Amino acid sequence: MAQKALITGISGQDGSYLAELLLSKNYEVHGTVLRTELDDPRRSLWRIYSILDQVTLHPVSIESFPSIFRLIERVQPDECYHLAALSFVSYSLDDEFAIFNTNLNGTHYMISTLKELAPRCRFLFAASAEVFGLAQTSPQNEQTPFHPRSPYGITKVAGYHLTNYYRENHKLYACSAILYNHESPRRGYEFVTRKITRGAAQIKLGLIKTLPMGNLDAIRDWGFAGDYVEAEWRMLQQEQPKDYVIASGQGHSVRELCELAFSQLGLDYHDYVVFDQRFYKPAETIPLVGDATRAHQELGWSPKVSFEEMVKMMVDVDLAELQGRS
């Protein structure tokens, strides 16, 4: 009998890659979506549009306990990947109440319902490198103290501790994946990686003339989303639940990303990237770069797609999409 997996936020970047991975392993895949996404699936569900006939979608409000309760009662999953969250960090200061309501309550509703209705289900919480925030050391690993500096980061710290609480006190198989930045051609346009690759393609095609940017010296640990969801799956296949940092272990600046994206199109980023104070954020004194040694040693996991390959992939897809629309 096929394993049954539930993915919250299946229509997002990570959810779509994870759904494809689980289908390739013959899982029965269920996923939560917003009810409004079903009104125009070709537009709203574009990341999973090619596999819609292979997955079962459930219109669910993560902020509603009765909605979550009915979902778990109906699906009875063997594995649950809780990916759904308000995740764009820059917005979190603008609407703290929505961030806390969705990310904190949603996680609590999900794991508490699993305890009551499906206690043998293995649960994964998608945490974030933002839990480290103003880190005192680099790279960070599973023992690095948390110091979040945004409402989003705070909710991820709370979700991490909530997951540990249910693991230790209620004996659930529950663990947290501390995920560093991971990108792909399915990344939303509001994120800096996609802003750069899309902008470079638009400039190449003459659609825009310049790309306004903030701090080019900010450093991030960027990996490929398709690699990171494999790590999540491997985490739930272990005999005992454990938390893991999932990262490439390499820091790259926004400047490097710009240089790679533009050079892929035969352009020099110096000619097109212009400074805009609106987007400026000071870089961390100690950059967020992850040490995934535990994942390498215990999960047998390591990234397959390099930073350079990922950027090239994103630029190629953006250019092809824009050419197809012109």
Protein backbone atom coordinates (compact mmCIF):
# COMPACT_ATOMS: atom_id res chain seq x y z
CA MET A 1 0.00 0.00 0.00
CA ALA A 2 1.38 3.38 -0.99
CA GLN A 3 2.66 5.75 1.66
CA LYS A 4 0.38 8.76 2.06
CA ALA A 5 1.99 12.20 2.30
CA LEU A 6 0.41 15.55 3.12
CA ILE A 7 2.16 18.74 1.97
CA THR A 8 0.90 22.06 3.29
CA GLY A 9 1.59 24.78 0.75
CA ILE A 10 1.93 22.31 -2.13
CA SER A 11 1.51 25.06 -4.74
CA GLY A 12 4.62 26.92 -3.60
CA GLN A 13 8.17 26.48 -4.83
CA ASP A 14 9.17 23.83 -2.29
CA GLY A 15 5.80 22.10 -2.28
CA SER A 16 5.87 21.59 -6.03
CA TYR A 17 9.36 20.05 -6.04
CA LEU A 18 8.51 17.88 -3.04
CA ALA A 19 5.29 16.66 -4.67
CA GLU A 20 7.21 15.62 -7.78
CA LEU A 21 9.82 13.82 -5.67
CA LEU A 22 7.21 11.91 -3.67
CA LEU A 23 5.28 10.95 -6.79
CA SER A 24 8.49 9.53 -8.24
CA LYS A 25 8.69 7.36 -5.11
CA ASN A 26 5.08 6.16 -5.58
CA TYR A 27 3.55 8.10 -2.71
CA GLU A 28 -0.11 9.04 -2.61
CA VAL A 29 0.26 12.83 -2.43
CA HIS A 30 -2.19 15.23 -0.83
CA GLY A 31 -1.70 18.98 -0.57
CA THR A 32 -3.33 22.07 0.90
CA VAL A 33 -4.16 25.07 -1.26
CA LEU A 34 -6.09 28.27 -0.77
CA ARG A 35 -9.68 28.03 -1.97
CA THR A 36 -9.08 31.04 -4.24
CA GLU A 37 -6.27 29.17 -6.02
CA LEU A 38 -8.80 26.70 -7.42
CA ASP A 39 -10.65 29.50 -9.25
CA ASP A 40 -7.86 29.90 -11.81
CA PRO A 41 -5.56 26.87 -11.49
CA ARG A 42 -3.54 27.55 -14.63
CA ARG A 43 -2.40 30.86 -13.12
CA SER A 44 -2.45 30.14 -9.38
CA LEU A 45 -1.28 26.52 -9.49
CA TRP A 46 1.23 26.88 -12.33
CA ARG A 47 4.01 25.17 -10.41
CA ILE A 48 2.01 21.96 -10.03
CA TYR A 49 -0.23 22.30 -13.09
CA SER A 50 1.48 19.41 -14.89
CA ILE A 51 0.80 17.01 -11.99
CA LEU A 52 -2.71 18.12 -10.98
CA ASP A 53 -4.15 14.79 -12.10
CA GLN A 54 -1.69 12.92 -9.85
CA VAL A 55 -2.26 14.74 -6.55
CA THR A 56 -5.29 15.36 -4.35
CA LEU A 57 -5.77 19.00 -3.40
CA HIS A 58 -7.62 20.20 -0.32
CA PRO A 59 -8.81 23.83 0.01
CA VAL A 60 -7.86 24.54 3.60
CA SER A 61 -7.28 27.59 5.75
CA ILE A 62 -4.13 26.98 7.78
CA GLU A 63 -5.39 29.55 10.31
CA SER A 64 -8.56 27.53 10.98
CA PHE A 65 -8.37 24.69 13.51
CA PRO A 66 -11.66 23.06 12.36
CA SER A 67 -10.40 23.14 8.78
CA ILE A 68 -7.12 21.43 9.76
CA PHE A 69 -8.96 18.93 11.95
CA ARG A 70 -11.26 17.84 9.10
CA LEU A 71 -8.27 17.58 6.76
CA ILE A 72 -6.25 15.24 9.00
CA GLU A 73 -9.34 13.22 9.85
CA ARG A 74 -9.98 12.70 6.13
CA VAL A 75 -6.44 12.11 4.85
CA GLN A 76 -4.81 10.19 7.73
CA PRO A 77 -1.28 10.83 6.39
CA ASP A 78 1.81 8.74 7.07
CA GLU A 79 4.06 11.77 6.54
CA CYS A 80 3.29 15.47 6.85
CA TYR A 81 5.52 18.19 5.45
CA HIS A 82 4.45 21.52 6.92
CA LEU A 83 5.78 24.05 4.42
CA ALA A 84 2.93 26.58 4.36
CA ALA A 85 3.89 29.95 5.82
CA LEU A 86 3.98 33.64 5.08
CA SER A 87 7.61 33.61 4.06
CA PHE A 88 8.68 36.89 2.47
CA VAL A 89 10.76 38.39 5.28
CA SER A 90 10.59 42.02 4.13
CA TYR A 91 6.82 42.03 4.45
CA SER A 92 6.82 40.69 7.98
CA LEU A 93 7.32 44.07 9.66
CA ASP A 94 4.37 45.45 7.71
CA ASP A 95 1.86 42.87 8.89
CA GLU A 96 3.08 41.17 12.03
CA PHE A 97 -0.39 39.94 13.00
CA ALA A 98 -0.82 37.97 9.76
CA ILE A 99 2.67 36.51 10.10
CA PHE A 100 2.08 35.31 13.66
CA ASN A 101 -1.44 34.08 12.98
CA THR A 102 -0.50 32.01 9.94
CA ASN A 103 2.93 30.75 10.94
CA LEU A 104 2.41 30.16 14.66
CA ASN A 105 -1.23 29.09 14.84
CA GLY A 106 -1.01 27.11 11.62
CA THR A 107 1.90 25.05 12.92
CA HIS A 108 0.26 24.51 16.30
CA TYR A 109 -3.06 23.47 14.76
CA MET A 110 -1.34 21.02 12.43
CA ILE A 111 0.90 19.23 14.93
CA SER A 112 -1.69 19.13 17.72
CA THR A 113 -4.25 17.63 15.35
CA LEU A 114 -1.77 15.00 14.21
CA LYS A 115 -1.22 14.07 17.86
CA GLU A 116 -4.95 13.48 18.29
CA LEU A 117 -5.91 11.90 14.96
CA ALA A 118 -2.74 10.49 13.36
CA PRO A 119 -0.11 10.05 16.11
CA ARG A 120 2.03 7.73 13.99
CA CYS A 121 2.37 10.32 11.23
CA ARG A 122 5.91 11.64 10.78
CA PHE A 123 5.96 15.44 10.87
CA LEU A 124 8.47 17.88 9.37
CA PHE A 125 8.46 21.58 10.14
CA ALA A 126 10.16 23.84 7.60
CA ALA A 127 12.24 26.20 9.73
CA SER A 128 14.60 28.82 8.34
CA ALA A 129 18.09 30.26 8.66
CA GLU A 130 16.27 33.39 9.84
CA VAL A 131 16.13 31.75 13.27
CA PHE A 132 19.81 32.68 13.63
CA GLY A 133 19.31 36.31 12.57
CA LEU A 134 22.13 38.24 14.21
CA ALA A 135 24.38 35.20 14.51
CA GLN A 136 27.58 35.51 16.51
CA THR A 137 29.46 32.86 14.53
CA SER A 138 29.62 31.65 10.95
CA PRO A 139 28.90 29.09 9.65
CA GLN A 140 25.92 28.14 11.81
CA ASN A 141 24.98 24.59 12.77
CA GLU A 142 22.38 22.84 14.91
CA GLN A 143 24.05 24.06 18.12
CA THR A 144 24.24 27.75 17.16
CA PRO A 145 22.06 29.95 19.45
CA PHE A 146 18.99 31.53 17.89
CA HIS A 147 18.78 35.31 17.59
CA PRO A 148 15.92 36.15 15.21
CA ARG A 149 15.51 39.77 14.13
CA SER A 150 12.19 39.71 12.26
CA PRO A 151 8.64 38.58 13.08
CA TYR A 152 9.10 35.85 10.45
CA GLY A 153 12.26 34.61 12.18
CA ILE A 154 10.50 34.68 15.55
CA THR A 155 7.68 32.48 14.25
CA LYS A 156 10.22 30.00 12.89
CA VAL A 157 11.96 29.84 16.28
CA ALA A 158 8.59 29.27 17.95
CA GLY A 159 7.68 26.58 15.42
CA TYR A 160 11.01 24.88 16.02
CA HIS A 161 10.45 24.77 19.78
CA LEU A 162 6.82 23.73 19.35
CA THR A 163 7.97 20.81 17.18
CA ASN A 164 10.55 19.82 19.78
CA TYR A 165 7.92 20.03 22.50
CA TYR A 166 5.63 17.55 20.72
CA ARG A 167 8.58 15.26 20.00
CA GLU A 168 9.83 15.22 23.59
CA ASN A 169 6.57 15.39 25.54
CA HIS A 170 4.11 13.58 23.27
CA LYS A 171 6.59 11.22 21.57
CA LEU A 172 5.63 12.28 18.05
CA TYR A 173 8.06 11.71 15.21
CA ALA A 174 8.56 15.44 14.66
CA CYS A 175 11.60 17.32 13.39
CA SER A 176 12.65 20.68 11.97
CA ALA A 177 14.58 21.35 8.79
CA ILE A 178 16.55 24.58 9.27
CA LEU A 179 16.57 25.61 5.62
CA TYR A 180 18.94 28.22 4.24
CA ASN A 181 17.97 30.23 1.17
CA HIS A 182 16.97 27.96 -1.68
CA GLU A 183 15.94 29.17 -5.09
CA SER A 184 14.77 27.93 -8.49
CA PRO A 185 12.88 29.03 -11.60
CA ARG A 186 9.75 28.53 -9.47
CA ARG A 187 10.75 31.20 -6.96
CA GLY A 188 8.36 34.14 -6.57
CA TYR A 189 9.22 37.37 -8.34
CA GLU A 190 9.37 39.31 -5.07
CA PHE A 191 12.55 37.51 -3.97
CA VAL A 192 15.90 39.07 -4.83
CA THR A 193 17.21 36.09 -6.78
CA ARG A 194 14.25 36.05 -9.15
CA LYS A 195 14.23 39.84 -9.33
CA ILE A 196 17.80 39.70 -10.64
CA THR A 197 17.44 36.81 -13.10
CA ARG A 198 14.14 38.17 -14.41
CA GLY A 199 15.53 41.69 -14.63
CA ALA A 200 18.59 40.56 -16.56
CA ALA A 201 16.37 38.73 -19.06
CA GLN A 202 14.10 41.76 -19.43
CA ILE A 203 17.10 44.00 -20.10
CA LYS A 204 18.46 41.54 -22.65
CA LEU A 205 15.16 41.71 -24.53
CA GLY A 206 14.93 45.50 -24.27
CA LEU A 207 11.88 45.42 -22.01
CA ILE A 208 13.52 47.52 -19.28
CA LYS A 209 16.67 49.61 -19.20
CA THR A 210 17.96 49.33 -15.63
CA LEU A 211 17.61 47.15 -12.54
CA PRO A 212 17.34 49.06 -9.22
CA MET A 213 19.03 47.23 -6.34
CA GLY A 214 20.04 47.80 -2.74
CA ASN A 215 23.08 46.39 -0.97
CA LEU A 216 25.12 44.28 -3.40
CA ASP A 217 27.52 43.20 -0.68
CA ALA A 218 24.94 41.27 1.35
CA ILE A 219 25.90 37.58 1.54
CA ARG A 220 23.59 34.58 1.56
CA ASP A 221 23.92 30.82 1.43
CA TRP A 222 21.91 29.98 -1.70
CA GLY A 223 21.05 26.46 -2.84
CA PHE A 224 18.63 24.77 -5.25
CA ALA A 225 15.12 24.07 -3.92
CA GLY A 226 14.93 20.68 -5.63
CA ASP A 227 17.94 19.51 -3.63
CA TYR A 228 16.57 20.80 -0.34
CA VAL A 229 13.24 18.96 -0.53
CA GLU A 230 15.17 15.72 -0.99
CA ALA A 231 16.85 16.44 2.35
CA GLU A 232 13.41 16.93 3.90
CA TRP A 233 12.28 13.54 2.62
CA ARG A 234 15.45 11.87 3.90
CA MET A 235 14.84 13.38 7.35
CA LEU A 236 11.54 11.52 7.67
CA GLN A 237 13.11 8.21 6.65
CA GLN A 238 15.47 8.08 9.65
CA GLU A 239 14.85 5.73 12.56
CA GLN A 240 14.76 8.59 15.06
CA PRO A 241 13.59 12.19 14.45
CA LYS A 242 16.29 14.83 14.56
CA ASP A 243 16.67 18.47 13.48
CA TYR A 244 19.05 19.32 10.65
CA VAL A 245 20.61 22.40 9.08
CA ILE A 246 20.13 22.15 5.31
CA ALA A 247 22.53 24.44 3.45
CA SER A 248 25.11 24.61 0.69
CA GLY A 249 27.81 25.81 3.10
CA GLN A 250 28.90 28.52 0.68
CA GLY A 251 28.24 32.24 0.96
CA HIS A 252 27.72 34.35 -2.17
CA SER A 253 27.07 38.07 -2.44
CA VAL A 254 24.21 39.71 -4.29
CA ARG A 255 26.92 41.23 -6.48
CA GLU A 256 28.11 37.74 -7.49
CA LEU A 257 24.54 36.80 -8.33
CA CYS A 258 24.17 39.90 -10.53
CA GLU A 259 27.47 39.22 -12.28
CA LEU A 260 26.53 35.61 -13.02
CA ALA A 261 23.01 36.38 -14.21
CA PHE A 262 24.03 39.19 -16.57
CA SER A 263 27.12 37.43 -17.92
CA GLN A 264 24.93 34.44 -18.79
CA LEU A 265 23.25 36.79 -21.28
CA GLY A 266 26.47 38.40 -22.49
CA LEU A 267 25.91 41.55 -20.45
CA ASP A 268 27.96 43.45 -17.88
CA TYR A 269 25.88 44.12 -14.76
CA HIS A 270 27.79 47.35 -14.11
CA ASP A 271 26.00 48.88 -17.11
CA TYR A 272 22.48 48.15 -15.84
CA VAL A 273 22.32 47.69 -12.06
CA VAL A 274 21.64 51.01 -10.32
CA PHE A 275 21.53 51.77 -6.61
CA ASP A 276 18.13 52.49 -5.06
CA GLN A 277 17.99 53.51 -1.40
CA ARG A 278 14.50 52.00 -1.04
CA PHE A 279 15.96 48.50 -1.30
CA TYR A 280 19.01 49.07 0.87
CA LYS A 281 19.53 46.91 3.95
CA PRO A 282 22.84 46.77 5.82
CA ALA A 283 24.65 43.47 5.44
CA GLU A 284 25.11 41.26 8.51
CA THR A 285 28.50 41.61 10.16
CA ILE A 286 28.53 37.82 10.41
CA PRO A 287 26.84 36.27 7.35
CA LEU A 288 24.21 33.54 7.46
CA VAL A 289 26.04 30.55 6.03
CA GLY A 290 25.07 27.04 7.07
CA ASP A 291 27.13 24.07 8.20
CA ALA A 292 25.24 20.97 7.02
CA THR A 293 27.80 18.45 8.26
CA ARG A 294 25.18 16.52 10.24
CA ALA A 295 22.98 16.18 7.15
CA HIS A 296 25.97 15.03 5.08
CA GLN A 297 27.01 12.42 7.61
CA GLU A 298 23.66 11.12 8.87
CA LEU A 299 21.33 11.60 5.90
CA GLY A 300 23.88 11.01 3.16
CA TRP A 301 22.68 14.27 1.65
CA SER A 302 24.62 16.93 -0.22
CA PRO A 303 23.54 19.50 -2.82
CA LYS A 304 23.73 18.36 -6.44
CA VAL A 305 23.13 21.72 -8.16
CA SER A 306 25.82 24.39 -7.72
CA PHE A 307 25.15 28.08 -7.21
CA GLU A 308 26.37 28.80 -10.74
CA GLU A 309 24.16 26.09 -12.26
CA MET A 310 21.14 27.33 -10.34
CA VAL A 311 21.56 30.93 -11.52
CA LYS A 312 22.04 29.76 -15.12
CA MET A 313 18.90 27.63 -14.86
CA MET A 314 16.85 30.57 -13.58
CA VAL A 315 18.12 32.99 -16.24
CA ASP A 316 17.45 30.50 -19.04
CA VAL A 317 13.88 29.90 -17.87
CA ASP A 318 13.17 33.62 -17.44
CA LEU A 319 14.53 34.42 -20.89
CA ALA A 320 12.53 31.61 -22.52
CA GLU A 321 9.31 32.67 -20.76
CA LEU A 322 9.70 36.32 -21.76
CA GLN A 323 10.56 35.42 -25.36
CA GLY A 324 7.45 33.25 -25.50
CA ARG A 325 5.29 36.19 -24.46
CA SER A 326 6.77 38.70 -26.88
